[in-house]
Amino acid sequence: MKMILSDEQTLVSRYLRSFRTASDRLDSAFVFLEKAEAARSSISASIGTFSMGGEQRDRMLGAMLRMDSAIDDIGGFTAELSDRFKEVEGLISEVQELDPRAGRALRDVYVSGLTVKEAAEKEGCSRKTEYENLKRGLDIAYDLL
């Protein structure tokens, strides 16, 4: 069963999903950080061990500066992601205050990443009921935005 959403519900759904896709980018950023730190250590050791000078040394130092800049950018990205999570969490909490079932449906699907079927099993209701809860939650969230 595919959930058919109104334009307003689709808008809110995309807003809430933006948090989940950002977490994938954050995972990639952490992998990059690990690799950058290893490469940075290797470059530092190479410069010291081989007593590099001139153009080759400048290129390696330039690479280290770019890595440092990228690491700073990732720090800013994680702060932005944290702010986005707080916004999404705040919106879902407001929905949950107005309609607990709708709020739980939003939290299960958009924060926990459950499918509607899994969320329905967790709540002990049918998929149709969970779809209705989810749609009601999206409507409430749209009104709150």
Protein backbone atom coordinates (compact mmCIF):
# COMPACT_ATOMS: atom_id res chain seq x y z
CA MET A 1 0.00 0.00 0.00
CA LYS A 2 1.50 3.30 -1.08
CA MET A 3 0.72 6.38 0.93
CA ILE A 4 -0.74 9.18 -1.19
CA LEU A 5 0.08 12.58 0.27
CA SER A 6 -1.34 16.02 -0.39
CA ASP A 7 1.06 18.76 -1.49
CA GLU A 8 1.21 20.10 2.06
CA GLN A 9 1.90 16.65 3.52
CA THR A 10 4.62 16.06 0.90
CA LEU A 11 6.27 19.35 1.85
CA VAL A 12 6.38 18.43 5.54
CA SER A 13 7.53 14.89 4.72
CA ARG A 14 10.49 16.23 2.74
CA TYR A 15 11.36 18.61 5.55
CA LEU A 16 11.35 15.80 8.10
CA ARG A 17 13.27 13.45 5.79
CA SER A 18 16.01 16.04 5.31
CA PHE A 19 17.27 15.17 8.78
CA ARG A 20 17.63 11.48 7.93
CA THR A 21 19.61 12.09 4.74
CA ALA A 22 21.88 14.49 6.60
CA SER A 23 22.87 11.70 9.00
CA ASP A 24 24.15 9.66 6.03
CA ARG A 25 26.31 12.61 5.01
CA LEU A 26 27.54 12.88 8.58
CA ASP A 27 28.62 9.22 8.55
CA SER A 28 30.56 9.91 5.35
CA ALA A 29 32.13 12.96 6.97
CA PHE A 30 33.38 10.87 9.90
CA VAL A 31 34.95 8.36 7.51
CA PHE A 32 36.65 11.28 5.74
CA LEU A 33 37.91 12.64 9.07
CA GLU A 34 39.51 9.31 9.94
CA LYS A 35 41.20 9.08 6.54
CA ALA A 36 42.28 12.72 6.62
CA GLU A 37 43.84 12.32 10.05
CA ALA A 38 45.75 9.22 8.90
CA ALA A 39 46.91 11.00 5.73
CA ARG A 40 47.90 14.09 7.69
CA SER A 41 50.07 12.02 10.02
CA SER A 42 51.64 10.25 7.06
CA ILE A 43 52.40 13.53 5.27
CA SER A 44 53.93 15.04 8.41
CA ALA A 45 56.13 11.99 8.86
CA SER A 46 57.16 12.04 5.19
CA ILE A 47 58.18 15.69 5.33
CA GLY A 48 60.27 15.04 8.44
CA THR A 49 61.77 11.71 7.34
CA PHE A 50 62.71 12.62 3.81
CA SER A 51 63.74 16.19 4.61
CA MET A 52 61.70 17.43 1.71
CA GLY A 53 62.21 20.92 0.53
CA GLY A 54 61.13 23.29 -2.17
CA GLU A 55 58.12 22.66 -4.35
CA GLN A 56 57.40 19.13 -3.08
CA ARG A 57 57.31 20.32 0.53
CA ASP A 58 55.03 23.22 -0.43
CA ARG A 59 52.60 20.84 -2.15
CA MET A 60 52.47 18.58 0.89
CA LEU A 61 51.96 21.49 3.25
CA GLY A 62 49.22 22.77 0.93
CA ALA A 63 47.52 19.36 1.12
CA MET A 64 47.68 19.49 4.92
CA LEU A 65 46.13 22.97 4.93
CA ARG A 66 43.28 21.78 2.68
CA MET A 67 42.67 18.84 5.03
CA ASP A 68 42.59 21.19 8.02
CA SER A 69 40.10 23.41 6.20
CA ALA A 70 37.92 20.39 5.34
CA ILE A 71 38.01 19.25 8.96
CA ASP A 72 36.80 22.71 10.05
CA ASP A 73 34.01 22.53 7.45
CA ILE A 74 32.89 19.17 8.83
CA GLY A 75 32.77 20.67 12.31
CA GLY A 76 30.41 23.35 11.02
CA PHE A 77 28.33 20.73 9.25
CA THR A 78 27.89 18.70 12.43
CA ALA A 79 26.73 21.82 14.27
CA GLU A 80 24.23 22.50 11.47
CA LEU A 81 23.00 18.91 11.64
CA SER A 82 22.55 19.19 15.38
CA ASP A 83 20.46 22.34 14.91
CA ARG A 84 18.35 20.63 12.24
CA PHE A 85 17.74 17.66 14.54
CA LYS A 86 16.62 20.02 17.31
CA GLU A 87 14.16 21.67 14.90
CA VAL A 88 12.75 18.35 13.71
CA GLU A 89 12.58 16.98 17.25
CA GLY A 90 10.87 20.15 18.46
CA LEU A 91 8.28 20.02 15.69
CA ILE A 92 7.51 16.35 16.34
CA SER A 93 7.25 17.03 20.08
CA GLU A 94 4.71 19.79 19.40
CA VAL A 95 2.71 17.41 17.20
CA GLN A 96 2.87 14.75 19.90
CA GLU A 97 1.47 17.17 22.48
CA LEU A 98 -1.52 17.86 20.23
CA ASP A 99 -2.02 14.26 19.06
CA PRO A 100 0.11 11.59 20.78
CA ARG A 101 -0.54 8.86 18.19
CA ALA A 102 0.27 11.13 15.26
CA GLY A 103 3.43 12.34 17.01
CA ARG A 104 4.59 8.79 17.70
CA ALA A 105 3.96 7.87 14.06
CA LEU A 106 6.10 10.79 12.88
CA ARG A 107 8.86 9.96 15.35
CA ASP A 108 8.90 6.27 14.42
CA VAL A 109 9.03 6.90 10.68
CA TYR A 110 11.07 10.09 10.38
CA VAL A 111 13.45 9.90 13.35
CA SER A 112 13.77 6.18 14.10
CA GLY A 113 13.62 5.23 10.42
CA LEU A 114 10.97 2.53 10.79
CA THR A 115 8.78 1.59 7.86
CA VAL A 116 5.06 2.18 8.26
CA LYS A 117 4.59 -1.57 8.61
CA GLU A 118 7.19 -1.74 11.42
CA ALA A 119 5.69 1.31 13.13
CA ALA A 120 2.22 -0.28 12.94
CA GLU A 121 3.53 -3.49 14.52
CA LYS A 122 5.21 -1.47 17.26
CA GLU A 123 1.96 0.40 18.00
CA GLY A 124 -0.15 -2.75 17.69
CA CYS A 125 -2.40 -1.40 14.96
CA SER A 126 -3.00 -1.98 11.26
CA ARG A 127 -0.91 -0.34 8.55
CA LYS A 128 -3.96 1.61 7.44
CA THR A 129 -4.37 3.07 10.93
CA GLU A 130 -0.67 3.93 11.07
CA TYR A 131 -0.92 5.62 7.65
CA GLU A 132 -3.83 7.68 8.98
CA ASN A 133 -1.84 8.61 12.10
CA LEU A 134 1.12 9.58 9.94
CA LYS A 135 -0.99 11.71 7.60
CA ARG A 136 -2.69 13.41 10.55
CA GLY A 137 0.75 14.12 12.02
CA LEU A 138 1.92 15.64 8.74
CA ASP A 139 -1.18 17.84 8.61
CA ILE A 140 -0.62 19.06 12.17
CA ALA A 141 3.08 19.66 11.47
CA TYR A 142 2.21 21.69 8.37
CA ASP A 143 -0.12 23.88 10.42
CA LEU A 144 2.66 24.39 12.99
CA LEU A 145 5.19 25.41 10.36
